[in-house]
PDB file of N, CA and C in Angstrom:
ATOM      1  N   MET A   1       0.889  -1.152   0.066  1.00  0.00           N
ATOM      2  CA  MET A   1       0.014  -0.103   0.012  1.00  0.00           C
ATOM      3  C   MET A   1       0.984   1.251  -0.006  1.00  0.00           C
ATOM      4  N   ASP A   2       0.531   1.988  -1.016  1.00  0.00           N
ATOM      5  CA  ASP A   2       1.500   3.325  -0.941  1.00  0.00           C
ATOM      6  C   ASP A   2       0.958   4.334  -0.017  1.00  0.00           C
ATOM      7  N   ILE A   3       1.733   4.999   0.806  1.00  0.00           N
ATOM      8  CA  ILE A   3       1.273   5.991   1.662  1.00  0.00           C
ATOM      9  C   ILE A   3       0.794   7.037   1.215  1.00  0.00           C
ATOM     10  N   SER A   4       1.032   7.563   0.094  1.00  0.00           N
ATOM     11  CA  SER A   4       0.554   8.623  -0.567  1.00  0.00           C
ATOM     12  C   SER A   4      -0.943   8.600  -0.828  1.00  0.00           C
ATOM     13  N   SER A   5      -1.301   7.347  -1.027  1.00  0.00           N
ATOM     14  CA  SER A   5      -2.614   7.099  -1.447  1.00  0.00           C
ATOM     15  C   SER A   5      -3.655   7.217  -0.232  1.00  0.00           C
ATOM     16  N   ILE A   6      -3.064   7.078   0.943  1.00  0.00           N
ATOM     17  CA  ILE A   6      -3.919   6.924   1.996  1.00  0.00           C
ATOM     18  C   ILE A   6      -4.381   8.403   2.553  1.00  0.00           C
ATOM     19  N   ASN A   7      -5.543   8.666   2.838  1.00  0.00           N
ATOM     20  CA  ASN A   7      -5.897   9.910   3.210  1.00  0.00           C
ATOM     21  C   ASN A   7      -5.596  10.068   4.680  1.00  0.00           C
ATOM     22  N   GLY A   8      -5.674  11.464   5.127  1.00  0.00           N
ATOM     23  CA  GLY A   8      -5.248  11.629   6.473  1.00  0.00           C
ATOM     24  C   GLY A   8      -5.975  11.028   7.663  1.00  0.00           C
ATOM     25  N   ASN A   9      -7.263  11.075   7.585  1.00  0.00           N
ATOM     26  CA  ASN A   9      -8.091  10.095   8.608  1.00  0.00           C
ATOM     27  C   ASN A   9      -7.814   8.709   8.673  1.00  0.00           C
ATOM     28  N   THR A  10      -7.675   8.106   7.556  1.00  0.00           N
ATOM     29  CA  THR A  10      -7.290   6.715   7.450  1.00  0.00           C
ATOM     30  C   THR A  10      -5.855   6.365   8.189  1.00  0.00           C
ATOM     31  N   TYR A  11      -4.934   7.250   7.786  1.00  0.00           N
ATOM     32  CA  TYR A  11      -3.702   7.093   8.398  1.00  0.00           C
ATOM     33  C   TYR A  11      -3.542   7.408   9.891  1.00  0.00           C
ATOM     34  N   ASN A  12      -4.486   8.352  10.469  1.00  0.00           N
ATOM     35  CA  ASN A  12      -4.567   8.496  11.843  1.00  0.00           C
ATOM     36  C   ASN A  12      -5.023   7.397  12.538  1.00  0.00           C
ATOM     37  N   ASN A  13      -6.172   6.820  11.802  1.00  0.00           N
ATOM     38  CA  ASN A  13      -6.941   5.636  12.422  1.00  0.00           C
ATOM     39  C   ASN A  13      -5.692   4.528  12.588  1.00  0.00           C
ATOM     40  N   MET A  14      -5.102   4.159  11.554  1.00  0.00           N
ATOM     41  CA  MET A  14      -4.130   3.091  11.488  1.00  0.00           C
ATOM     42  C   MET A  14      -3.148   3.347  12.586  1.00  0.00           C
ATOM     43  N   LEU A  15      -2.540   4.574  12.951  1.00  0.00           N
ATOM     44  CA  LEU A  15      -1.722   4.812  13.831  1.00  0.00           C
ATOM     45  C   LEU A  15      -2.384   4.768  15.294  1.00  0.00           C
ATOM     46  N   LEU A  16      -3.490   5.055  15.487  1.00  0.00           N
ATOM     47  CA  LEU A  16      -4.227   4.940  16.793  1.00  0.00           C
ATOM     48  C   LEU A  16      -4.540   3.405  17.085  1.00  0.00           C
ATOM     49  N   GLN A  17      -4.810   2.585  15.994  1.00  0.00           N
ATOM     50  CA  GLN A  17      -4.924   1.281  16.313  1.00  0.00           C
ATOM     51  C   GLN A  17      -3.647   0.567  16.757  1.00  0.00           C
ATOM     52  N   LYS A  18      -2.635   0.949  16.090  1.00  0.00           N
ATOM     53  CA  LYS A  18      -1.187   0.440  16.383  1.00  0.00           C
ATOM     54  C   LYS A  18      -0.862   0.864  17.741  1.00  0.00           C
ATOM     55  N   LYS A  19      -1.039   2.095  18.031  1.00  0.00           N
ATOM     56  CA  LYS A  19      -0.796   2.497  19.483  1.00  0.00           C
ATOM     57  C   LYS A  19      -1.609   1.757  20.561  1.00  0.00           C
ATOM     58  N   GLU A  20      -2.938   1.360  20.301  1.00  0.00           N
ATOM     59  CA  GLU A  20      -3.678   0.705  21.398  1.00  0.00           C
ATOM     60  C   GLU A  20      -3.270  -0.573  21.434  1.00  0.00           C
ATOM     61  N   LYS A  21      -2.736  -1.501  20.264  1.00  0.00           N
ATOM     62  CA  LYS A  21      -2.300  -2.727  20.458  1.00  0.00           C
ATOM     63  C   LYS A  21      -0.881  -2.732  21.237  1.00  0.00           C
ATOM     64  N   ILE A  22      -0.072  -1.802  21.101  1.00  0.00           N
ATOM     65  CA  ILE A  22       1.006  -1.577  21.843  1.00  0.00           C
ATOM     66  C   ILE A  22       0.823  -1.423  23.356  1.00  0.00           C
ATOM     67  N   GLU A  23      -0.305  -0.574  23.572  1.00  0.00           N
ATOM     68  CA  GLU A  23      -0.615  -0.285  24.991  1.00  0.00           C
ATOM     69  C   GLU A  23      -1.197  -1.460  25.770  1.00  0.00           C
ATOM     70  N   SER A  24      -2.067  -2.221  24.951  1.00  0.00           N
ATOM     71  CA  SER A  24      -2.579  -3.417  25.552  1.00  0.00           C
ATOM     72  C   SER A  24      -1.630  -4.473  25.719  1.00  0.00           C
ATOM     73  N   LYS A  25      -0.662  -4.605  24.870  1.00  0.00           N
ATOM     74  CA  LYS A  25       0.469  -5.624  25.153  1.00  0.00           C
ATOM     75  C   LYS A  25       1.329  -5.231  26.108  1.00  0.00           C
ATOM     76  N   SER A  26       1.651  -3.865  26.295  1.00  0.00           N
ATOM     77  CA  SER A  26       2.359  -3.557  27.450  1.00  0.00           C
ATOM     78  C   SER A  26       1.588  -3.698  28.892  1.00  0.00           C
ATOM     79  N   PHE A  27       0.360  -3.574  28.911  1.00  0.00           N
ATOM     80  CA  PHE A  27      -0.442  -3.825  30.185  1.00  0.00           C
ATOM     81  C   PHE A  27      -0.397  -5.404  30.343  1.00  0.00           C
ATOM     82  N   GLU A  28      -0.394  -6.168  29.444  1.00  0.00           N
ATOM     83  CA  GLU A  28      -0.571  -7.650  29.564  1.00  0.00           C
ATOM     84  C   GLU A  28       0.885  -8.044  29.930  1.00  0.00           C
ATOM     85  N   ALA A  29       1.879  -7.631  29.417  1.00  0.00           N
ATOM     86  CA  ALA A  29       3.342  -7.994  29.759  1.00  0.00           C
ATOM     87  C   ALA A  29       3.587  -7.607  31.224  1.00  0.00           C
ATOM     88  N   THR A  30       3.286  -6.484  31.678  1.00  0.00           N
ATOM     89  CA  THR A  30       3.436  -5.824  32.834  1.00  0.00           C
ATOM     90  C   THR A  30       2.671  -6.814  33.922  1.00  0.00           C
ATOM     91  N   LEU A  31       1.328  -7.121  33.747  1.00  0.00           N
ATOM     92  CA  LEU A  31       0.624  -7.901  34.618  1.00  0.00           C
ATOM     93  C   LEU A  31       1.294  -9.324  34.684  1.00  0.00           C
ATOM     94  N   ASN A  32       1.648  -9.900  33.649  1.00  0.00           N
ATOM     95  CA  ASN A  32       2.054 -11.239  33.658  1.00  0.00           C
ATOM     96  C   ASN A  32       3.466 -11.370  34.391  1.00  0.00           C
ATOM     97  N   GLU A  33       4.249 -10.423  34.228  1.00  0.00           N
ATOM     98  CA  GLU A  33       5.344 -10.283  34.860  1.00  0.00           C
ATOM     99  C   GLU A  33       5.338  -9.967  36.472  1.00  0.00           C
ATOM    100  N   ALA A  34       4.337  -9.313  36.671  1.00  0.00           N
ATOM    101  CA  ALA A  34       4.011  -8.955  38.132  1.00  0.00           C
ATOM    102  C   ALA A  34       3.435 -10.196  38.834  1.00  0.00           C
ATOM    103  N   VAL A  35       2.802 -11.136  38.097  1.00  0.00           N
ATOM    104  CA  VAL A  35       2.218 -12.326  38.765  1.00  0.00           C
ATOM    105  C   VAL A  35       3.396 -13.257  38.727  1.00  0.00           C
ATOM    106  N   LYS A  36       4.221 -13.477  37.922  1.00  0.00           N
ATOM    107  CA  LYS A  36       5.293 -14.364  37.928  1.00  0.00           C
ATOM    108  C   LYS A  36       6.348 -13.919  39.043  1.00  0.00           C
ATOM    109  N   LYS A  37       6.588 -12.797  39.215  1.00  0.00           N
ATOM    110  CA  LYS A  37       7.652 -12.417  40.052  1.00  0.00           C
ATOM    111  C   LYS A  37       6.886 -12.039  41.698  1.00  0.00           C
ATOM    112  N   GLU A  38       5.604 -12.269  41.735  1.00  0.00           N
ATOM    113  CA  GLU A  38       4.660 -11.926  42.835  1.00  0.00           C
ATOM    114  C   GLU A  38       5.125 -10.480  43.301  1.00  0.00           C
ATOM    115  N   ASP A  39       5.363  -9.682  42.401  1.00  0.00           N
ATOM    116  CA  ASP A  39       5.644  -8.382  42.688  1.00  0.00           C
ATOM    117  C   ASP A  39       4.383  -7.430  42.895  1.00  0.00           C
ATOM    118  N   ASP A  40       4.181  -6.840  44.088  1.00  0.00           N
ATOM    119  CA  ASP A  40       2.922  -6.174  44.491  1.00  0.00           C
ATOM    120  C   ASP A  40       3.087  -4.830  44.034  1.00  0.00           C
ATOM    121  N   LYS A  41       4.164  -4.044  43.936  1.00  0.00           N
ATOM    122  CA  LYS A  41       4.416  -2.891  43.350  1.00  0.00           C
ATOM    123  C   LYS A  41       3.981  -2.860  41.901  1.00  0.00           C
ATOM    124  N   GLN A  42       4.588  -3.984  41.215  1.00  0.00           N
ATOM    125  CA  GLN A  42       4.522  -3.803  39.807  1.00  0.00           C
ATOM    126  C   GLN A  42       3.019  -4.218  39.427  1.00  0.00           C
ATOM    127  N   LEU A  43       2.196  -5.014  40.093  1.00  0.00           N
ATOM    128  CA  LEU A  43       0.880  -5.221  39.970  1.00  0.00           C
ATOM    129  C   LEU A  43       0.069  -4.020  40.165  1.00  0.00           C
ATOM    130  N   LYS A  44       0.221  -3.197  41.101  1.00  0.00           N
ATOM    131  CA  LYS A  44      -0.318  -2.086  41.254  1.00  0.00           C
ATOM    132  C   LYS A  44      -0.216  -1.112  40.160  1.00  0.00           C
ATOM    133  N   GLU A  45       1.014  -1.033  39.475  1.00  0.00           N
ATOM    134  CA  GLU A  45       1.393  -0.214  38.405  1.00  0.00           C
ATOM    135  C   GLU A  45       0.744  -0.660  37.140  1.00  0.00           C
ATOM    136  N   ALA A  46       0.452  -2.089  37.064  1.00  0.00           N
ATOM    137  CA  ALA A  46      -0.190  -2.420  35.915  1.00  0.00           C
ATOM    138  C   ALA A  46      -1.739  -2.226  35.868  1.00  0.00           C
ATOM    139  N   CYS A  47      -2.274  -2.303  37.120  1.00  0.00           N
ATOM    140  CA  CYS A  47      -3.614  -1.848  37.250  1.00  0.00           C
ATOM    141  C   CYS A  47      -3.916  -0.468  36.935  1.00  0.00           C
ATOM    142  N   LYS A  48      -2.957   0.581  37.386  1.00  0.00           N
ATOM    143  CA  LYS A  48      -3.008   2.006  37.066  1.00  0.00           C
ATOM    144  C   LYS A  48      -2.861   2.087  35.486  1.00  0.00           C
ATOM    145  N   GLU A  49      -2.120   1.320  35.023  1.00  0.00           N
ATOM    146  CA  GLU A  49      -1.923   1.558  33.479  1.00  0.00           C
ATOM    147  C   GLU A  49      -3.138   1.091  32.688  1.00  0.00           C
ATOM    148  N   PHE A  50      -3.814   0.152  33.241  1.00  0.00           N
ATOM    149  CA  PHE A  50      -5.164  -0.422  32.624  1.00  0.00           C
ATOM    150  C   PHE A  50      -6.322   0.795  32.847  1.00  0.00           C
ATOM    151  N   GLU A  51      -6.356   1.228  34.173  1.00  0.00           N
ATOM    152  CA  GLU A  51      -7.203   2.432  34.251  1.00  0.00           C
ATOM    153  C   GLU A  51      -6.948   3.489  33.330  1.00  0.00           C
ATOM    154  N   GLN A  52      -5.680   3.989  33.258  1.00  0.00           N
ATOM    155  CA  GLN A  52      -5.348   4.979  32.298  1.00  0.00           C
ATOM    156  C   GLN A  52      -5.765   4.831  30.924  1.00  0.00           C
ATOM    157  N   TYR A  53      -5.616   3.423  30.390  1.00  0.00           N
ATOM    158  CA  TYR A  53      -6.051   3.122  28.999  1.00  0.00           C
ATOM    159  C   TYR A  53      -7.692   3.194  28.867  1.00  0.00           C
ATOM    160  N   PHE A  54      -8.312   2.720  29.953  1.00  0.00           N
ATOM    161  CA  PHE A  54      -9.698   2.619  30.069  1.00  0.00           C
ATOM    162  C   PHE A  54     -10.199   3.946  30.018  1.00  0.00           C
ATOM    163  N   VAL A  55      -9.841   4.948  30.808  1.00  0.00           N
ATOM    164  CA  VAL A  55     -10.385   6.284  30.896  1.00  0.00           C
ATOM    165  C   VAL A  55      -9.926   7.107  29.557  1.00  0.00           C
ATOM    166  N   ASN A  56      -8.776   6.786  28.950  1.00  0.00           N
ATOM    167  CA  ASN A  56      -8.468   7.408  27.655  1.00  0.00           C
ATOM    168  C   ASN A  56      -9.635   6.865  26.479  1.00  0.00           C
ATOM    169  N   GLN A  57     -10.050   5.571  26.513  1.00  0.00           N
ATOM    170  CA  GLN A  57     -10.775   5.005  25.649  1.00  0.00           C
ATOM    171  C   GLN A  57     -12.424   5.778  25.763  1.00  0.00           C
ATOM    172  N   LEU A  58     -12.635   5.964  27.213  1.00  0.00           N
ATOM    173  CA  LEU A  58     -13.753   6.797  27.648  1.00  0.00           C
ATOM    174  C   LEU A  58     -13.913   8.097  27.011  1.00  0.00           C
ATOM    175  N   PHE A  59     -12.793   8.885  26.929  1.00  0.00           N
ATOM    176  CA  PHE A  59     -12.696  10.121  26.553  1.00  0.00           C
ATOM    177  C   PHE A  59     -12.821   9.907  24.809  1.00  0.00           C
ATOM    178  N   LYS A  60     -12.201   9.186  24.278  1.00  0.00           N
ATOM    179  CA  LYS A  60     -12.280   9.023  23.012  1.00  0.00           C
ATOM    180  C   LYS A  60     -13.746   8.744  22.428  1.00  0.00           C
ATOM    181  N   GLU A  61     -14.370   7.868  23.176  1.00  0.00           N
ATOM    182  CA  GLU A  61     -15.845   7.723  22.769  1.00  0.00           C
ATOM    183  C   GLU A  61     -16.694   8.739  22.999  1.00  0.00           C
ATOM    184  N   MET A  62     -16.523   9.494  24.123  1.00  0.00           N
ATOM    185  CA  MET A  62     -17.225  10.640  24.355  1.00  0.00           C
ATOM    186  C   MET A  62     -16.910  11.737  23.378  1.00  0.00           C
ATOM    187  N   ARG A  63     -15.752  11.825  22.949  1.00  0.00           N
ATOM    188  CA  ARG A  63     -15.459  12.789  21.828  1.00  0.00           C
ATOM    189  C   ARG A  63     -16.126  12.502  20.443  1.00  0.00           C
ATOM    190  N   ASN A  64     -16.354  11.209  20.151  1.00  0.00           N
ATOM    191  CA  ASN A  64     -16.940  10.773  19.025  1.00  0.00           C
ATOM    192  C   ASN A  64     -18.487  11.028  19.086  1.00  0.00           C
ATOM    193  N   THR A  65     -19.050  11.287  20.200  1.00  0.00           N
ATOM    194  CA  THR A  65     -20.580  11.710  20.245  1.00  0.00           C
ATOM    195  C   THR A  65     -20.639  13.215  19.971  1.00  0.00           C
ATOM    196  N   VAL A  66     -19.566  14.101  19.841  1.00  0.00           N
ATOM    197  CA  VAL A  66     -19.968  15.407  19.604  1.00  0.00           C
ATOM    198  C   VAL A  66     -19.746  15.739  18.203  1.00  0.00           C
ATOM    199  N   HIS A  67     -20.683  16.373  17.724  1.00  0.00           N
ATOM    200  CA  HIS A  67     -20.919  16.699  16.217  1.00  0.00           C
ATOM    201  C   HIS A  67     -19.730  17.777  16.113  1.00  0.00           C
ATOM    202  N   ASN A  68     -19.165  17.349  14.817  1.00  0.00           N
ATOM    203  CA  ASN A  68     -17.924  18.213  14.390  1.00  0.00           C
ATOM    204  C   ASN A  68     -18.431  19.311  13.409  1.00  0.00           C
ATOM    205  N   GLY A  69     -19.455  19.884  13.603  1.00  0.00           N
ATOM    206  CA  GLY A  69     -20.055  20.939  12.807  1.00  0.00           C
ATOM    207  C   GLY A  69     -19.229  22.269  13.176  1.00  0.00           C
ATOM    208  N   GLY A  70     -19.455  23.227  12.242  1.00  0.00           N
ATOM    209  CA  GLY A  70     -18.878  24.643  12.473  1.00  0.00           C
ATOM    210  C   GLY A  70     -18.398  25.052  11.287  1.00  0.00           C
ATOM    211  N   LEU A  71     -17.935  26.541  11.425  1.00  0.00           N
ATOM    212  CA  LEU A  71     -17.518  27.011  10.255  1.00  0.00           C
ATOM    213  C   LEU A  71     -16.185  26.616   9.668  1.00  0.00           C
ATOM    214  N   ILE A  72     -15.185  26.233  10.501  1.00  0.00           N
ATOM    215  CA  ILE A  72     -13.918  25.830  10.281  1.00  0.00           C
ATOM    216  C   ILE A  72     -13.984  24.298  10.598  1.00  0.00           C
ATOM    217  N   PRO A  73     -13.509  23.460   9.602  1.00  0.00           N
ATOM    218  CA  PRO A  73     -13.367  22.072  10.006  1.00  0.00           C
ATOM    219  C   PRO A  73     -12.196  21.938  10.595  1.00  0.00           C
ATOM    220  N   LYS A  74     -11.937  20.761  11.487  1.00  0.00           N
ATOM    221  CA  LYS A  74     -10.880  20.491  12.341  1.00  0.00           C
ATOM    222  C   LYS A  74      -9.630  19.870  11.385  1.00  0.00           C
ATOM    223  N   SER A  75      -8.485  20.597  11.667  1.00  0.00           N
ATOM    224  CA  SER A  75      -7.282  20.147  10.867  1.00  0.00           C
ATOM    225  C   SER A  75      -6.700  18.800  11.701  1.00  0.00           C
ATOM    226  N   GLN A  76      -5.874  18.190  10.898  1.00  0.00           N
ATOM    227  CA  GLN A  76      -5.307  16.842  11.477  1.00  0.00           C
ATOM    228  C   GLN A  76      -4.430  17.256  12.684  1.00  0.00           C
ATOM    229  N   GLY A  77      -3.849  18.635  12.876  1.00  0.00           N
ATOM    230  CA  GLY A  77      -3.218  18.927  13.799  1.00  0.00           C
ATOM    231  C   GLY A  77      -4.031  19.290  15.343  1.00  0.00           C
ATOM    232  N   GLU A  78      -5.320  19.742  14.908  1.00  0.00           N
ATOM    233  CA  GLU A  78      -6.078  19.717  16.117  1.00  0.00           C
ATOM    234  C   GLU A  78      -6.525  18.552  16.546  1.00  0.00           C
ATOM    235  N   GLU A  79      -6.768  17.586  15.781  1.00  0.00           N
ATOM    236  CA  GLU A  79      -7.223  16.234  16.128  1.00  0.00           C
ATOM    237  C   GLU A  79      -6.002  15.485  16.857  1.00  0.00           C
ATOM    238  N   LEU A  80      -4.846  15.644  16.403  1.00  0.00           N
ATOM    239  CA  LEU A  80      -3.564  15.178  17.050  1.00  0.00           C
ATOM    240  C   LEU A  80      -3.561  15.780  18.301  1.00  0.00           C
ATOM    241  N   PHE A  81      -3.621  17.088  18.483  1.00  0.00           N
ATOM    242  CA  PHE A  81      -3.399  17.829  19.964  1.00  0.00           C
ATOM    243  C   PHE A  81      -4.529  17.157  20.857  1.00  0.00           C
ATOM    244  N   GLU A  82      -5.729  17.041  20.445  1.00  0.00           N
ATOM    245  CA  GLU A  82      -6.843  16.406  21.070  1.00  0.00           C
ATOM    246  C   GLU A  82      -6.506  15.099  21.752  1.00  0.00           C
ATOM    247  N   ASP A  83      -5.876  14.224  20.922  1.00  0.00           N
ATOM    248  CA  ASP A  83      -5.603  12.973  21.215  1.00  0.00           C
ATOM    249  C   ASP A  83      -4.474  12.934  22.337  1.00  0.00           C
ATOM    250  N   MET A  84      -3.477  13.907  22.188  1.00  0.00           N
ATOM    251  CA  MET A  84      -2.642  13.950  23.163  1.00  0.00           C
ATOM    252  C   MET A  84      -3.080  14.662  24.378  1.00  0.00           C
ATOM    253  N   LEU A  85      -3.955  15.522  24.283  1.00  0.00           N
ATOM    254  CA  LEU A  85      -4.537  16.086  25.585  1.00  0.00           C
ATOM    255  C   LEU A  85      -5.219  15.025  26.416  1.00  0.00           C
ATOM    256  N   TYR A  86      -6.033  14.202  25.670  1.00  0.00           N
ATOM    257  CA  TYR A  86      -6.811  13.238  26.307  1.00  0.00           C
ATOM    258  C   TYR A  86      -5.803  12.274  27.044  1.00  0.00           C
ATOM    259  N   ASP A  87      -4.803  11.979  26.263  1.00  0.00           N
ATOM    260  CA  ASP A  87      -3.826  10.949  26.998  1.00  0.00           C
ATOM    261  C   ASP A  87      -3.331  11.755  28.399  1.00  0.00           C
ATOM    262  N   GLU A  88      -2.880  12.868  28.186  1.00  0.00           N
ATOM    263  CA  GLU A  88      -2.549  13.501  29.501  1.00  0.00           C
ATOM    264  C   GLU A  88      -3.575  13.706  30.521  1.00  0.00           C
ATOM    265  N   TYR A  89      -4.971  13.734  30.175  1.00  0.00           N
ATOM    266  CA  TYR A  89      -6.005  13.998  31.089  1.00  0.00           C
ATOM    267  C   TYR A  89      -6.073  12.476  31.636  1.00  0.00           C
ATOM    268  N   SER A  90      -6.062  11.372  30.867  1.00  0.00           N
ATOM    269  CA  SER A  90      -6.274  10.076  31.454  1.00  0.00           C
ATOM    270  C   SER A  90      -5.210   9.652  32.415  1.00  0.00           C
ATOM    271  N   LYS A  91      -3.845  10.176  32.124  1.00  0.00           N
ATOM    272  CA  LYS A  91      -2.713   9.975  32.820  1.00  0.00           C
ATOM    273  C   LYS A  91      -2.727  10.626  34.184  1.00  0.00           C
ATOM    274  N   GLU A  92      -3.414  11.752  34.263  1.00  0.00           N
ATOM    275  CA  GLU A  92      -3.443  12.622  35.521  1.00  0.00           C
ATOM    276  C   GLU A  92      -4.377  11.937  36.332  1.00  0.00           C
ATOM    277  N   ILE A  93      -5.513  11.524  35.633  1.00  0.00           N
ATOM    278  CA  ILE A  93      -6.580  10.982  36.413  1.00  0.00           C
ATOM    279  C   ILE A  93      -6.272   9.649  36.942  1.00  0.00           C
ATOM    280  N   SER A  94      -5.561   8.818  36.320  1.00  0.00           N
ATOM    281  CA  SER A  94      -5.003   7.712  36.824  1.00  0.00           C
ATOM    282  C   SER A  94      -3.947   7.712  37.990  1.00  0.00           C
ATOM    283  N   GLU A  95      -3.199   8.852  37.953  1.00  0.00           N
ATOM    284  CA  GLU A  95      -2.234   9.054  38.835  1.00  0.00           C
ATOM    285  C   GLU A  95      -2.676   9.499  40.223  1.00  0.00           C
ATOM    286  N   GLY A  96      -3.882  10.258  40.186  1.00  0.00           N
ATOM    287  CA  GLY A  96      -4.489  10.716  41.309  1.00  0.00           C
ATOM    288  C   GLY A  96      -5.285   9.540  41.943  1.00  0.00           C
ATOM    289  N   SER A  97      -6.380   9.825  42.352  1.00  0.00           N
ATOM    290  CA  SER A  97      -7.297   8.886  42.972  1.00  0.00           C
ATOM    291  C   SER A  97      -7.993   7.963  41.905  1.00  0.00           C
ATOM    292  N   GLY A  98      -8.164   8.361  40.795  1.00  0.00           N
ATOM    293  CA  GLY A  98      -8.644   7.666  39.512  1.00  0.00           C
ATOM    294  C   GLY A  98     -10.167   7.618  39.871  1.00  0.00           C
ATOM    295  N   ILE A  99     -10.627   6.546  38.967  1.00  0.00           N
ATOM    296  CA  ILE A  99     -12.238   6.225  38.990  1.00  0.00           C
ATOM    297  C   ILE A  99     -12.420   5.088  39.873  1.00  0.00           C
ATOM    298  N   GLY A 100     -11.316   4.420  40.439  1.00  0.00           N
ATOM    299  CA  GLY A 100     -11.487   3.350  41.242  1.00  0.00           C
ATOM    300  C   GLY A 100     -11.286   2.003  40.608  1.00  0.00           C
ATOM    301  N   ILE A 101     -11.259   1.917  39.260  1.00  0.00           N
ATOM    302  CA  ILE A 101     -11.077   0.513  38.546  1.00  0.00           C
ATOM    303  C   ILE A 101      -9.691  -0.088  38.973  1.00  0.00           C
ATOM    304  N   SER A 102      -8.539   0.840  39.156  1.00  0.00           N
ATOM    305  CA  SER A 102      -7.258   0.086  39.510  1.00  0.00           C
ATOM    306  C   SER A 102      -7.416  -0.425  40.914  1.00  0.00           C
ATOM    307  N   ASP A 103      -8.101   0.208  41.704  1.00  0.00           N
ATOM    308  CA  ASP A 103      -8.178  -0.266  43.306  1.00  0.00           C
ATOM    309  C   ASP A 103      -8.789  -1.677  43.259  1.00  0.00           C
ATOM    310  N   MET A 104      -9.898  -1.634  42.602  1.00  0.00           N
ATOM    311  CA  MET A 104     -10.784  -3.072  42.425  1.00  0.00           C
ATOM    312  C   MET A 104      -9.937  -4.098  41.885  1.00  0.00           C
ATOM    313  N   MET A 105      -9.167  -3.766  40.698  1.00  0.00           N
ATOM    314  CA  MET A 105      -8.448  -4.788  39.986  1.00  0.00           C
ATOM    315  C   MET A 105      -7.423  -5.210  40.787  1.00  0.00           C
ATOM    316  N   TYR A 106      -6.777  -4.418  41.660  1.00  0.00           N
ATOM    317  CA  TYR A 106      -5.597  -4.616  42.355  1.00  0.00           C
ATOM    318  C   TYR A 106      -5.928  -5.616  43.517  1.00  0.00           C
ATOM    319  N   LYS A 107      -7.005  -5.220  44.155  1.00  0.00           N
ATOM    320  CA  LYS A 107      -7.823  -6.043  45.425  1.00  0.00           C
ATOM    321  C   LYS A 107      -7.828  -7.494  44.844  1.00  0.00           C
ATOM    322  N   GLN A 108      -8.571  -7.548  43.639  1.00  0.00           N
ATOM    323  CA  GLN A 108      -8.917  -8.811  43.057  1.00  0.00           C
ATOM    324  C   GLN A 108      -7.667  -9.569  42.726  1.00  0.00           C
ATOM    325  N   LEU A 109      -6.701  -9.033  41.881  1.00  0.00           N
ATOM    326  CA  LEU A 109      -5.520  -9.706  41.316  1.00  0.00           C
ATOM    327  C   LEU A 109      -4.502  -9.994  42.599  1.00  0.00           C
ATOM    328  N   SER A 110      -4.516  -9.211  43.537  1.00  0.00           N
ATOM    329  CA  SER A 110      -3.562  -9.489  44.604  1.00  0.00           C
ATOM    330  C   SER A 110      -3.895 -10.665  45.466  1.00  0.00           C
ATOM    331  N   LYS A 111      -5.224 -11.154  45.353  1.00  0.00           N
ATOM    332  CA  LYS A 111      -5.568 -12.298  46.175  1.00  0.00           C
ATOM    333  C   LYS A 111      -4.906 -13.633  45.436  1.00  0.00           C
ATOM    334  N   SER A 112      -4.630 -13.491  44.148  1.00  0.00           N
ATOM    335  CA  SER A 112      -4.059 -14.601  43.417  1.00  0.00           C
ATOM    336  C   SER A 112      -2.495 -14.622  43.749  1.00  0.00           C
ATOM    337  N   LEU A 113      -2.033 -13.628  44.281  1.00  0.00           N
ATOM    338  CA  LEU A 113      -0.386 -13.608  44.480  1.00  0.00           C
ATOM    339  C   LEU A 113      -0.265 -14.142  45.841  1.00  0.00           C
ATOM    340  N   LYS A 114      -1.205 -14.223  46.659  1.00  0.00           N
ATOM    341  CA  LYS A 114      -1.022 -14.841  48.050  1.00  0.00           C
ATOM    342  C   LYS A 114      -1.443 -16.138  48.182  1.00  0.00           C
TER     343      LYS A 114
END
C-alpha cells in the first residue's frame, strides 16, 4: 500500500490502532511479569496502566459523540492535539485517586498472588 494514497483520517486511524495494540500488550506483559515475580508494586502499576487506558478510551468515545459541525473544519493538527490532551488527562486521572477501577483490580488480582 502506497502511503501517498492513504488519506489523513485513514492514516490517523491506523496509527491509533497500532498504539492501542502496543498499550494493551504493554499492560498484559506488565501484569504477567508481576504475577510471575509476585511483585505487589508492579501489579499495582499494571492496574493503574489499565485504568489509564480505560479512561482514555472513555474520552475518545465521548469525543466521538460530539458533532464536528462549525464554520472551520478541524485540521489533523487539532485532532492530534486533542488525542495528546486526552492522553494527558487520562494519565493525570489515573495518577490521582482515579475512578476506582485500578483499586478494584488490584484487590482482586492481589488475592491470586498470596
